[in-house]
Amino acid sequence: YALEAQKAINGKRSAAVSKAVDVLTQVAEVHYAASNYADSL
């Protein structure tokens, strides 16, 4: 059960990270296009 729980949590975390990274990149692109390079970085 411990291994199954860990596997499930890792899967949920991985999905959450992947989605957050996509959105962070998207927002960074918007800031870059507006010449807000420090915010994008």
Full PDB file with SEQRES, HELIX, SHEET, SSBOND, CRYST1, ORIGX, SCALE, CONECT and MASTER records, all heavy atoms in Angstrom:
SEQRES   1 A   41  TYR ALA LEU GLU ALA GLN LYS ALA ILE ASN GLY LYS ARG          
SEQRES   2 A   41  SER ALA ALA VAL SER LYS ALA VAL ASP VAL LEU THR GLN          
SEQRES   3 A   41  VAL ALA GLU VAL HIS TYR ALA ALA SER ASN TYR ALA ASP          
SEQRES   4 A   41  SER LEU                                                      
HELIX    1 AA1 ALA A    2  ALA A   33  1                                  32    
HELIX    2 AA2 TYR A   37  SER A   40  1                                   4    
CRYST1    1.000    1.000    1.000  90.00  90.00  90.00 P 1           1          
ORIGX1      1.000000  0.000000  0.000000        0.00000                         
ORIGX2      0.000000  1.000000  0.000000        0.00000                         
ORIGX3      0.000000  0.000000  1.000000        0.00000                         
SCALE1      1.000000  0.000000  0.000000        0.00000                         
SCALE2      0.000000  1.000000  0.000000        0.00000                         
SCALE3      0.000000  0.000000  1.000000        0.00000                         
ATOM      1  N   TYR A   1       0.825  -1.201   0.000  1.00  0.00           N  
ATOM      2  CA  TYR A   1       0.000   0.000   0.000  1.00  0.00           C  
ATOM      3  C   TYR A   1       0.866   1.261   0.000  1.00  0.00           C  
ATOM      4  O   TYR A   1       0.532   2.264  -0.629  1.00  0.00           O  
ATOM      5  CB  TYR A   1      -0.935   0.002   1.204  1.00  0.00           C  
ATOM      6  CG  TYR A   1      -2.141  -0.880   1.048  1.00  0.00           C  
ATOM      7  CD1 TYR A   1      -2.450  -1.853   1.989  1.00  0.00           C  
ATOM      8  CD2 TYR A   1      -2.977  -0.736  -0.061  1.00  0.00           C  
ATOM      9  CE1 TYR A   1      -3.556  -2.675   1.843  1.00  0.00           C  
ATOM     10  CE2 TYR A   1      -4.089  -1.554  -0.219  1.00  0.00           C  
ATOM     11  CZ  TYR A   1      -4.373  -2.525   0.733  1.00  0.00           C  
ATOM     12  OH  TYR A   1      -5.469  -3.332   0.574  1.00  0.00           O  
ATOM     13  N   ALA A   2       1.981   1.234   0.710  1.00  0.00           N  
ATOM     14  CA  ALA A   2       2.875   2.396   0.761  1.00  0.00           C  
ATOM     15  C   ALA A   2       3.420   2.711  -0.629  1.00  0.00           C  
ATOM     16  O   ALA A   2       3.472   3.863  -1.053  1.00  0.00           O  
ATOM     17  CB  ALA A   2       4.015   2.152   1.738  1.00  0.00           C  
ATOM     18  N   LEU A   3       3.830   1.664  -1.352  1.00  0.00           N  
ATOM     19  CA  LEU A   3       4.367   1.867  -2.695  1.00  0.00           C  
ATOM     20  C   LEU A   3       3.291   2.366  -3.645  1.00  0.00           C  
ATOM     21  O   LEU A   3       3.540   3.225  -4.498  1.00  0.00           O  
ATOM     22  CB  LEU A   3       4.980   0.560  -3.217  1.00  0.00           C  
ATOM     23  CG  LEU A   3       6.300   0.132  -2.569  1.00  0.00           C  
ATOM     24  CD1 LEU A   3       6.695  -1.271  -3.031  1.00  0.00           C  
ATOM     25  CD2 LEU A   3       7.409   1.136  -2.907  1.00  0.00           C  
ATOM     26  N   GLU A   4       2.082   1.820  -3.513  1.00  0.00           N  
ATOM     27  CA  GLU A   4       0.981   2.267  -4.363  1.00  0.00           C  
ATOM     28  C   GLU A   4       0.643   3.727  -4.084  1.00  0.00           C  
ATOM     29  O   GLU A   4       0.380   4.513  -4.990  1.00  0.00           O  
ATOM     30  CB  GLU A   4      -0.251   1.378  -4.154  1.00  0.00           C  
ATOM     31  CG  GLU A   4      -0.121  -0.004  -4.756  1.00  0.00           C  
ATOM     32  CD  GLU A   4      -0.060   0.035  -6.268  1.00  0.00           C  
ATOM     33  OE1 GLU A   4      -0.629   0.963  -6.871  1.00  0.00           O  
ATOM     34  OE2 GLU A   4       0.564  -0.868  -6.855  1.00  0.00           O  
ATOM     35  N   ALA A   5       0.638   4.095  -2.799  1.00  0.00           N  
ATOM     36  CA  ALA A   5       0.356   5.480  -2.432  1.00  0.00           C  
ATOM     37  C   ALA A   5       1.423   6.408  -2.983  1.00  0.00           C  
ATOM     38  O   ALA A   5       1.129   7.477  -3.525  1.00  0.00           O  
ATOM     39  CB  ALA A   5       0.275   5.616  -0.915  1.00  0.00           C  
ATOM     40  N   GLN A   6       2.679   6.001  -2.843  1.00  0.00           N  
ATOM     41  CA  GLN A   6       3.779   6.825  -3.349  1.00  0.00           C  
ATOM     42  C   GLN A   6       3.692   6.979  -4.865  1.00  0.00           C  
ATOM     43  O   GLN A   6       3.916   8.071  -5.410  1.00  0.00           O  
ATOM     44  CB  GLN A   6       5.118   6.198  -2.961  1.00  0.00           C  
ATOM     45  CG  GLN A   6       6.316   7.090  -3.268  1.00  0.00           C  
ATOM     46  CD  GLN A   6       7.601   6.521  -2.730  1.00  0.00           C  
ATOM     47  OE1 GLN A   6       7.763   5.303  -2.672  1.00  0.00           O  
ATOM     48  NE2 GLN A   6       8.522   7.383  -2.348  1.00  0.00           N  
ATOM     49  N   LYS A   7       3.367   5.895  -5.550  1.00  0.00           N  
ATOM     50  CA  LYS A   7       3.223   5.944  -7.006  1.00  0.00           C  
ATOM     51  C   LYS A   7       2.096   6.893  -7.408  1.00  0.00           C  
ATOM     52  O   LYS A   7       2.242   7.699  -8.341  1.00  0.00           O  
ATOM     53  CB  LYS A   7       2.939   4.539  -7.541  1.00  0.00           C  
ATOM     54  CG  LYS A   7       2.803   4.472  -9.049  1.00  0.00           C  
ATOM     55  CD  LYS A   7       2.536   3.039  -9.504  1.00  0.00           C  
ATOM     56  CE  LYS A   7       2.337   2.977 -11.016  1.00  0.00           C  
ATOM     57  NZ  LYS A   7       2.044   1.578 -11.456  1.00  0.00           N  
ATOM     58  N   ALA A   8       0.973   6.808  -6.692  1.00  0.00           N  
ATOM     59  CA  ALA A   8      -0.162   7.681  -7.001  1.00  0.00           C  
ATOM     60  C   ALA A   8       0.189   9.147  -6.761  1.00  0.00           C  
ATOM     61  O   ALA A   8      -0.123  10.013  -7.579  1.00  0.00           O  
ATOM     62  CB  ALA A   8      -1.365   7.282  -6.148  1.00  0.00           C  
ATOM     63  N   ILE A   9       0.851   9.429  -5.645  1.00  0.00           N  
ATOM     64  CA  ILE A   9       1.219  10.805  -5.321  1.00  0.00           C  
ATOM     65  C   ILE A   9       2.224  11.335  -6.331  1.00  0.00           C  
ATOM     66  O   ILE A   9       2.114  12.487  -6.796  1.00  0.00           O  
ATOM     67  CB  ILE A   9       1.793  10.894  -3.885  1.00  0.00           C  
ATOM     68  CG1 ILE A   9       0.711  10.541  -2.874  1.00  0.00           C  
ATOM     69  CG2 ILE A   9       2.328  12.300  -3.604  1.00  0.00           C  
ATOM     70  CD1 ILE A   9       1.219  10.355  -1.458  1.00  0.00           C  
ATOM     71  N   ASN A  10       3.211  10.522  -6.697  1.00  0.00           N  
ATOM     72  CA  ASN A  10       4.190  10.948  -7.696  1.00  0.00           C  
ATOM     73  C   ASN A  10       3.517  11.283  -9.025  1.00  0.00           C  
ATOM     74  O   ASN A  10       3.889  12.247  -9.694  1.00  0.00           O  
ATOM     75  CB  ASN A  10       5.242   9.852  -7.918  1.00  0.00           C  
ATOM     76  CG  ASN A  10       6.371   9.917  -6.902  1.00  0.00           C  
ATOM     77  OD1 ASN A  10       6.785  11.004  -6.510  1.00  0.00           O  
ATOM     78  ND2 ASN A  10       6.862   8.770  -6.476  1.00  0.00           N  
ATOM     79  N   GLY A  11       2.533  10.465  -9.394  1.00  0.00           N  
ATOM     80  CA  GLY A  11       1.817  10.730 -10.633  1.00  0.00           C  
ATOM     81  C   GLY A  11       1.055  12.040 -10.584  1.00  0.00           C  
ATOM     82  O   GLY A  11       1.070  12.822 -11.541  1.00  0.00           O  
ATOM     83  N   LYS A  12       0.379  12.295  -9.460  1.00  0.00           N  
ATOM     84  CA  LYS A  12      -0.370  13.536  -9.309  1.00  0.00           C  
ATOM     85  C   LYS A  12       0.575  14.736  -9.305  1.00  0.00           C  
ATOM     86  O   LYS A  12       0.297  15.769  -9.921  1.00  0.00           O  
ATOM     87  CB  LYS A  12      -1.173  13.497  -8.005  1.00  0.00           C  
ATOM     88  CG  LYS A  12      -2.225  12.409  -7.928  1.00  0.00           C  
ATOM     89  CD  LYS A  12      -3.374  12.669  -8.865  1.00  0.00           C  
ATOM     90  CE  LYS A  12      -4.499  11.655  -8.648  1.00  0.00           C  
ATOM     91  NZ  LYS A  12      -5.638  11.893  -9.543  1.00  0.00           N  
ATOM     92  N   ARG A  13       1.699  14.597  -8.581  1.00  0.00           N  
ATOM     93  CA  ARG A  13       2.648  15.713  -8.524  1.00  0.00           C  
ATOM     94  C   ARG A  13       3.232  15.991  -9.905  1.00  0.00           C  
ATOM     95  O   ARG A  13       3.366  17.144 -10.317  1.00  0.00           O  
ATOM     96  CB  ARG A  13       3.790  15.390  -7.545  1.00  0.00           C  
ATOM     97  CG  ARG A  13       4.740  16.566  -7.365  1.00  0.00           C  
ATOM     98  CD  ARG A  13       6.007  16.221  -6.614  1.00  0.00           C  
ATOM     99  NE  ARG A  13       6.806  17.408  -6.368  1.00  0.00           N  
ATOM    100  CZ  ARG A  13       7.605  17.959  -7.266  1.00  0.00           C  
ATOM    101  NH1 ARG A  13       7.704  17.429  -8.479  1.00  0.00           N  
ATOM    102  NH2 ARG A  13       8.312  19.052  -6.962  1.00  0.00           N  
ATOM    103  N   SER A  14       3.592  14.940 -10.621  1.00  0.00           N  
ATOM    104  CA  SER A  14       4.171  15.106 -11.957  1.00  0.00           C  
ATOM    105  C   SER A  14       3.214  15.825 -12.891  1.00  0.00           C  
ATOM    106  O   SER A  14       3.616  16.721 -13.646  1.00  0.00           O  
ATOM    107  CB  SER A  14       4.544  13.735 -12.524  1.00  0.00           C  
ATOM    108  OG  SER A  14       5.061  13.857 -13.830  1.00  0.00           O  
ATOM    109  N   ALA A  15       1.935  15.448 -12.834  1.00  0.00           N  
ATOM    110  CA  ALA A  15       0.936  16.099 -13.684  1.00  0.00           C  
ATOM    111  C   ALA A  15       0.773  17.569 -13.299  1.00  0.00           C  
ATOM    112  O   ALA A  15       0.666  18.445 -14.161  1.00  0.00           O  
ATOM    113  CB  ALA A  15      -0.404  15.369 -13.570  1.00  0.00           C  
ATOM    114  N   ALA A  16       0.762  17.843 -11.988  1.00  0.00           N  
ATOM    115  CA  ALA A  16       0.616  19.225 -11.525  1.00  0.00           C  
ATOM    116  C   ALA A  16       1.812  20.070 -11.938  1.00  0.00           C  
ATOM    117  O   ALA A  16       1.668  21.222 -12.366  1.00  0.00           O  
ATOM    118  CB  ALA A  16       0.450  19.254  -9.999  1.00  0.00           C  
ATOM    119  N   VAL A  17       3.017  19.504 -11.827  1.00  0.00           N  
ATOM    120  CA  VAL A  17       4.233  20.233 -12.216  1.00  0.00           C  
ATOM    121  C   VAL A  17       4.234  20.516 -13.710  1.00  0.00           C  
ATOM    122  O   VAL A  17       4.547  21.629 -14.157  1.00  0.00           O  
ATOM    123  CB  VAL A  17       5.492  19.444 -11.811  1.00  0.00           C  
ATOM    124  CG1 VAL A  17       6.733  19.993 -12.501  1.00  0.00           C  
ATOM    125  CG2 VAL A  17       5.676  19.485 -10.301  1.00  0.00           C  
ATOM    126  N   SER A  18       3.895  19.513 -14.506  1.00  0.00           N  
ATOM    127  CA  SER A  18       3.896  19.679 -15.957  1.00  0.00           C  
ATOM    128  C   SER A  18       2.967  20.804 -16.384  1.00  0.00           C  
ATOM    129  O   SER A  18       3.324  21.649 -17.220  1.00  0.00           O  
ATOM    130  CB  SER A  18       3.484  18.367 -16.626  1.00  0.00           C  
ATOM    131  OG  SER A  18       3.446  18.509 -18.023  1.00  0.00           O  
ATOM    132  N   LYS A  19       1.789  20.831 -15.786  1.00  0.00           N  
ATOM    133  CA  LYS A  19       0.809  21.859 -16.140  1.00  0.00           C  
ATOM    134  C   LYS A  19       1.276  23.232 -15.672  1.00  0.00           C  
ATOM    135  O   LYS A  19       1.147  24.228 -16.395  1.00  0.00           O  
ATOM    136  CB  LYS A  19      -0.528  21.504 -15.499  1.00  0.00           C  
ATOM    137  CG  LYS A  19      -1.743  21.938 -16.302  1.00  0.00           C  
ATOM    138  CD  LYS A  19      -2.969  21.236 -15.756  1.00  0.00           C  
ATOM    139  CE  LYS A  19      -4.186  21.568 -16.572  1.00  0.00           C  
ATOM    140  NZ  LYS A  19      -5.383  20.900 -16.047  1.00  0.00           N  
ATOM    141  N   ALA A  20       1.840  23.309 -14.462  1.00  0.00           N  
ATOM    142  CA  ALA A  20       2.329  24.585 -13.940  1.00  0.00           C  
ATOM    143  C   ALA A  20       3.465  25.125 -14.793  1.00  0.00           C  
ATOM    144  O   ALA A  20       3.524  26.327 -15.084  1.00  0.00           O  
ATOM    145  CB  ALA A  20       2.776  24.427 -12.493  1.00  0.00           C  
ATOM    146  N   VAL A  21       4.359  24.241 -15.217  1.00  0.00           N  
ATOM    147  CA  VAL A  21       5.479  24.673 -16.065  1.00  0.00           C  
ATOM    148  C   VAL A  21       4.963  25.210 -17.396  1.00  0.00           C  
ATOM    149  O   VAL A  21       5.465  26.224 -17.907  1.00  0.00           O  
ATOM    150  CB  VAL A  21       6.469  23.504 -16.280  1.00  0.00           C  
ATOM    151  CG1 VAL A  21       7.475  23.826 -17.382  1.00  0.00           C  
ATOM    152  CG2 VAL A  21       7.203  23.197 -14.980  1.00  0.00           C  
ATOM    153  N   ASP A  22       3.966  24.550 -17.972  1.00  0.00           N  
ATOM    154  CA  ASP A  22       3.379  25.041 -19.225  1.00  0.00           C  
ATOM    155  C   ASP A  22       2.823  26.457 -19.055  1.00  0.00           C  
ATOM    156  O   ASP A  22       3.013  27.322 -19.915  1.00  0.00           O  
ATOM    157  CB  ASP A  22       2.263  24.107 -19.696  1.00  0.00           C  
ATOM    158  CG  ASP A  22       2.794  22.804 -20.269  1.00  0.00           C  
ATOM    159  OD1 ASP A  22       3.998  22.753 -20.598  1.00  0.00           O  
ATOM    160  OD2 ASP A  22       2.010  21.847 -20.377  1.00  0.00           O  
ATOM    161  N   VAL A  23       2.124  26.682 -17.942  1.00  0.00           N  
ATOM    162  CA  VAL A  23       1.516  27.994 -17.722  1.00  0.00           C  
ATOM    163  C   VAL A  23       2.578  29.042 -17.421  1.00  0.00           C  
ATOM    164  O   VAL A  23       2.515  30.175 -17.924  1.00  0.00           O  
ATOM    165  CB  VAL A  23       0.464  27.926 -16.597  1.00  0.00           C  
ATOM    166  CG1 VAL A  23      -0.131  29.305 -16.330  1.00  0.00           C  
ATOM    167  CG2 VAL A  23      -0.646  26.946 -16.967  1.00  0.00           C  
ATOM    168  N   LEU A  24       3.571  28.689 -16.624  1.00  0.00           N  
ATOM    169  CA  LEU A  24       4.667  29.623 -16.345  1.00  0.00           C  
ATOM    170  C   LEU A  24       5.351  30.041 -17.639  1.00  0.00           C  
ATOM    171  O   LEU A  24       5.677  31.221 -17.843  1.00  0.00           O  
ATOM    172  CB  LEU A  24       5.680  28.980 -15.402  1.00  0.00           C  
ATOM    173  CG  LEU A  24       5.261  28.859 -13.933  1.00  0.00           C  
ATOM    174  CD1 LEU A  24       6.164  27.869 -13.202  1.00  0.00           C  
ATOM    175  CD2 LEU A  24       5.302  30.221 -13.240  1.00  0.00           C  
ATOM    176  N   THR A  25       5.568  29.082 -18.533  1.00  0.00           N  
ATOM    177  CA  THR A  25       6.199  29.385 -19.820  1.00  0.00           C  
ATOM    178  C   THR A  25       5.312  30.275 -20.666  1.00  0.00           C  
ATOM    179  O   THR A  25       5.782  31.216 -21.316  1.00  0.00           O  
ATOM    180  CB  THR A  25       6.512  28.073 -20.562  1.00  0.00           C  
ATOM    181  OG1 THR A  25       7.291  27.220 -19.726  1.00  0.00           O  
ATOM    182  CG2 THR A  25       7.272  28.346 -21.844  1.00  0.00           C  
ATOM    183  N   GLN A  26       4.014  29.976 -20.634  1.00  0.00           N  
ATOM    184  CA  GLN A  26       3.060  30.798 -21.393  1.00  0.00           C  
ATOM    185  C   GLN A  26       3.075  32.241 -20.913  1.00  0.00           C  
ATOM    186  O   GLN A  26       3.152  33.175 -21.710  1.00  0.00           O  
ATOM    187  CB  GLN A  26       1.657  30.208 -21.220  1.00  0.00           C  
ATOM    188  CG  GLN A  26       0.546  31.008 -21.873  1.00  0.00           C  
ATOM    189  CD  GLN A  26       0.175  30.462 -23.231  1.00  0.00           C  
ATOM    190  OE1 GLN A  26       1.029  29.990 -23.974  1.00  0.00           O  
ATOM    191  NE2 GLN A  26      -1.078  30.517 -23.555  1.00  0.00           N  
ATOM    192  N   VAL A  27       3.002  32.446 -19.613  1.00  0.00           N  
ATOM    193  CA  VAL A  27       2.988  33.798 -19.059  1.00  0.00           C  
ATOM    194  C   VAL A  27       4.321  34.491 -19.340  1.00  0.00           C  
ATOM    195  O   VAL A  27       4.367  35.690 -19.634  1.00  0.00           O  
ATOM    196  CB  VAL A  27       2.682  33.768 -17.552  1.00  0.00           C  
ATOM    197  CG1 VAL A  27       2.696  35.171 -16.969  1.00  0.00           C  
ATOM    198  CG2 VAL A  27       1.329  33.109 -17.291  1.00  0.00           C  
ATOM    199  N   ALA A  28       5.414  33.732 -19.260  1.00  0.00           N  
ATOM    200  CA  ALA A  28       6.727  34.297 -19.567  1.00  0.00           C  
ATOM    201  C   ALA A  28       6.784  34.803 -21.002  1.00  0.00           C  
ATOM    202  O   ALA A  28       7.366  35.858 -21.277  1.00  0.00           O  
ATOM    203  CB  ALA A  28       7.818  33.250 -19.334  1.00  0.00           C  
ATOM    204  N   GLU A  29       6.167  34.075 -21.925  1.00  0.00           N  
ATOM    205  CA  GLU A  29       6.147  34.496 -23.326  1.00  0.00           C  
ATOM    206  C   GLU A  29       5.369  35.796 -23.504  1.00  0.00           C  
ATOM    207  O   GLU A  29       5.760  36.671 -24.286  1.00  0.00           O  
ATOM    208  CB  GLU A  29       5.538  33.384 -24.181  1.00  0.00           C  
ATOM    209  CG  GLU A  29       6.435  32.163 -24.299  1.00  0.00           C  
ATOM    210  CD  GLU A  29       5.733  30.972 -24.920  1.00  0.00           C  
ATOM    211  OE1 GLU A  29       4.496  31.021 -25.077  1.00  0.00           O  
ATOM    212  OE2 GLU A  29       6.423  29.997 -25.246  1.00  0.00           O  
ATOM    213  N   VAL A  30       4.276  35.920 -22.761  1.00  0.00           N  
ATOM    214  CA  VAL A  30       3.487  37.153 -22.836  1.00  0.00           C  
ATOM    215  C   VAL A  30       4.315  38.336 -22.337  1.00  0.00           C  
ATOM    216  O   VAL A  30       4.342  39.412 -22.952  1.00  0.00           O  
ATOM    217  CB  VAL A  30       2.179  37.016 -22.028  1.00  0.00           C  
ATOM    218  CG1 VAL A  30       1.418  38.336 -22.013  1.00  0.00           C  
ATOM    219  CG2 VAL A  30       1.298  35.911 -22.612  1.00  0.00           C  
ATOM    220  N   HIS A  31       5.005  38.139 -21.207  1.00  0.00           N  
ATOM    221  CA  HIS A  31       5.843  39.215 -20.667  1.00  0.00           C  
ATOM    222  C   HIS A  31       7.004  39.546 -21.604  1.00  0.00           C  
ATOM    223  O   HIS A  31       7.368  40.713 -21.775  1.00  0.00           O  
ATOM    224  CB  HIS A  31       6.372  38.824 -19.281  1.00  0.00           C  
ATOM    225  CG  HIS A  31       5.376  38.997 -18.182  1.00  0.00           C  
ATOM    226  ND1 HIS A  31       4.866  40.227 -17.827  1.00  0.00           N  
ATOM    227  CD2 HIS A  31       4.785  38.089 -17.350  1.00  0.00           C  
ATOM    228  CE1 HIS A  31       4.007  40.080 -16.824  1.00  0.00           C  
ATOM    229  NE2 HIS A  31       3.938  38.789 -16.529  1.00  0.00           N  
ATOM    230  N   TYR A  32       7.591  38.520 -22.221  1.00  0.00           N  
ATOM    231  CA  TYR A  32       8.698  38.753 -23.143  1.00  0.00           C  
ATOM    232  C   TYR A  32       8.225  39.592 -24.332  1.00  0.00           C  
ATOM    233  O   TYR A  32       8.917  40.523 -24.755  1.00  0.00           O  
ATOM    234  CB  TYR A  32       9.265  37.420 -23.613  1.00  0.00           C  
ATOM    235  CG  TYR A  32      10.533  37.539 -24.417  1.00  0.00           C  
ATOM    236  CD1 TYR A  32      11.777  37.403 -23.812  1.00  0.00           C  
ATOM    237  CD2 TYR A  32      10.506  37.779 -25.791  1.00  0.00           C  
ATOM    238  CE1 TYR A  32      12.955  37.501 -24.540  1.00  0.00           C  
ATOM    239  CE2 TYR A  32      11.668  37.891 -26.522  1.00  0.00           C  
ATOM    240  CZ  TYR A  32      12.895  37.754 -25.901  1.00  0.00           C  
ATOM    241  OH  TYR A  32      14.048  37.866 -26.639  1.00  0.00           O  
ATOM    242  N   ALA A  33       7.064  39.245 -24.858  1.00  0.00           N  
ATOM    243  CA  ALA A  33       6.524  39.997 -25.999  1.00  0.00           C  
ATOM    244  C   ALA A  33       6.273  41.457 -25.642  1.00  0.00           C  
ATOM    245  O   ALA A  33       6.322  42.334 -26.511  1.00  0.00           O  
ATOM    246  CB  ALA A  33       5.234  39.341 -26.483  1.00  0.00           C  
ATOM    247  N   ALA A  34       6.009  41.730 -24.344  1.00  0.00           N  
ATOM    248  CA  ALA A  34       5.784  43.101 -23.886  1.00  0.00           C  
ATOM    249  C   ALA A  34       7.080  43.753 -23.395  1.00  0.00           C  
ATOM    250  O   ALA A  34       7.040  44.829 -22.789  1.00  0.00           O  
ATOM    251  CB  ALA A  34       4.748  43.110 -22.770  1.00  0.00           C  
ATOM    252  N   SER A  35       8.228  43.111 -23.667  1.00  0.00           N  
ATOM    253  CA  SER A  35       9.556  43.609 -23.282  1.00  0.00           C  
ATOM    254  C   SER A  35       9.771  43.630 -21.768  1.00  0.00           C  
ATOM    255  O   SER A  35      10.653  44.346 -21.277  1.00  0.00           O  
ATOM    256  CB  SER A  35       9.808  45.009 -23.868  1.00  0.00           C  
ATOM    257  OG  SER A  35       9.734  44.980 -25.281  1.00  0.00           O  
ATOM    258  N   ASN A  36       8.984  42.836 -21.024  1.00  0.00           N  
ATOM    259  CA  ASN A  36       9.178  42.713 -19.578  1.00  0.00           C  
ATOM    260  C   ASN A  36      10.118  41.533 -19.319  1.00  0.00           C  
ATOM    261  O   ASN A  36       9.715  40.469 -18.832  1.00  0.00           O  
ATOM    262  CB  ASN A  36       7.836  42.498 -18.866  1.00  0.00           C  
ATOM    263  CG  ASN A  36       6.874  43.644 -19.087  1.00  0.00           C  
ATOM    264  OD1 ASN A  36       7.291  44.795 -19.188  1.00  0.00           O  
ATOM    265  ND2 ASN A  36       5.591  43.334 -19.176  1.00  0.00           N  
ATOM    266  N   TYR A  37      11.381  41.733 -19.661  1.00  0.00           N  
ATOM    267  CA  TYR A  37      12.320  40.615 -19.678  1.00  0.00           C  
ATOM    268  C   TYR A  37      12.631  40.081 -18.283  1.00  0.00           C  
ATOM    269  O   TYR A  37      12.838  38.877 -18.113  1.00  0.00           O  
ATOM    270  CB  TYR A  37      13.608  41.041 -20.401  1.00  0.00           C  
ATOM    271  CG  TYR A  37      13.343  41.560 -21.787  1.00  0.00           C  
ATOM    272  CD1 TYR A  37      13.722  42.858 -22.157  1.00  0.00           C  
ATOM    273  CD2 TYR A  37      12.702  40.769 -22.737  1.00  0.00           C  
ATOM    274  CE1 TYR A  37      13.467  43.347 -23.421  1.00  0.00           C  
ATOM    275  CE2 TYR A  37      12.436  41.255 -24.011  1.00  0.00           C  
ATOM    276  CZ  TYR A  37      12.819  42.540 -24.348  1.00  0.00           C  
ATOM    277  OH  TYR A  37      12.556  43.022 -25.601  1.00  0.00           O  
ATOM    278  N   ALA A  38      12.701  40.956 -17.288  1.00  0.00           N  
ATOM    279  CA  ALA A  38      12.987  40.494 -15.920  1.00  0.00           C  
ATOM    280  C   ALA A  38      11.855  39.612 -15.404  1.00  0.00           C  
ATOM    281  O   ALA A  38      12.098  38.571 -14.766  1.00  0.00           O  
ATOM    282  CB  ALA A  38      13.197  41.691 -14.997  1.00  0.00           C  
ATOM    283  N   ASP A  39      10.601  40.013 -15.663  1.00  0.00           N  
ATOM    284  CA  ASP A  39       9.454  39.200 -15.237  1.00  0.00           C  
ATOM    285  C   ASP A  39       9.449  37.861 -15.972  1.00  0.00           C  
ATOM    286  O   ASP A  39       9.174  36.812 -15.376  1.00  0.00           O  
ATOM    287  CB  ASP A  39       8.149  39.940 -15.513  1.00  0.00           C  
ATOM    288  CG  ASP A  39       7.957  41.144 -14.606  1.00  0.00           C  
ATOM    289  OD1 ASP A  39       8.573  41.173 -13.522  1.00  0.00           O  
ATOM    290  OD2 ASP A  39       7.216  42.066 -14.992  1.00  0.00           O  
ATOM    291  N   SER A  40       9.755  37.900 -17.261  1.00  0.00           N  
ATOM    292  CA  SER A  40       9.804  36.675 -18.048  1.00  0.00           C  
ATOM    293  C   SER A  40      10.871  35.738 -17.510  1.00  0.00           C  
ATOM    294  O   SER A  40      10.635  34.524 -17.350  1.00  0.00           O  
ATOM    295  CB  SER A  40      10.087  37.013 -19.515  1.00  0.00           C  
ATOM    296  OG  SER A  40      10.094  35.839 -20.305  1.00  0.00           O  
ATOM    297  N   LEU A  41      12.032  36.269 -17.189  1.00  0.00           N  
ATOM    298  CA  LEU A  41      13.129  35.455 -16.668  1.00  0.00           C  
ATOM    299  C   LEU A  41      12.759  34.812 -15.334  1.00  0.00           C  
ATOM    300  O   LEU A  41      13.046  33.630 -15.096  1.00  0.00           O  
ATOM    301  CB  LEU A  41      14.381  36.313 -16.499  1.00  0.00           C  
ATOM    302  CG  LEU A  41      15.601  35.620 -15.881  1.00  0.00           C  
ATOM    303  CD1 LEU A  41      16.032  34.426 -16.721  1.00  0.00           C  
ATOM    304  CD2 LEU A  41      16.747  36.617 -15.708  1.00  0.00           C  
TER     305      LEU A  41                                                      
MASTER        0    0    0    2    0    0    0    6  304    1    0    4          
END                                                                             
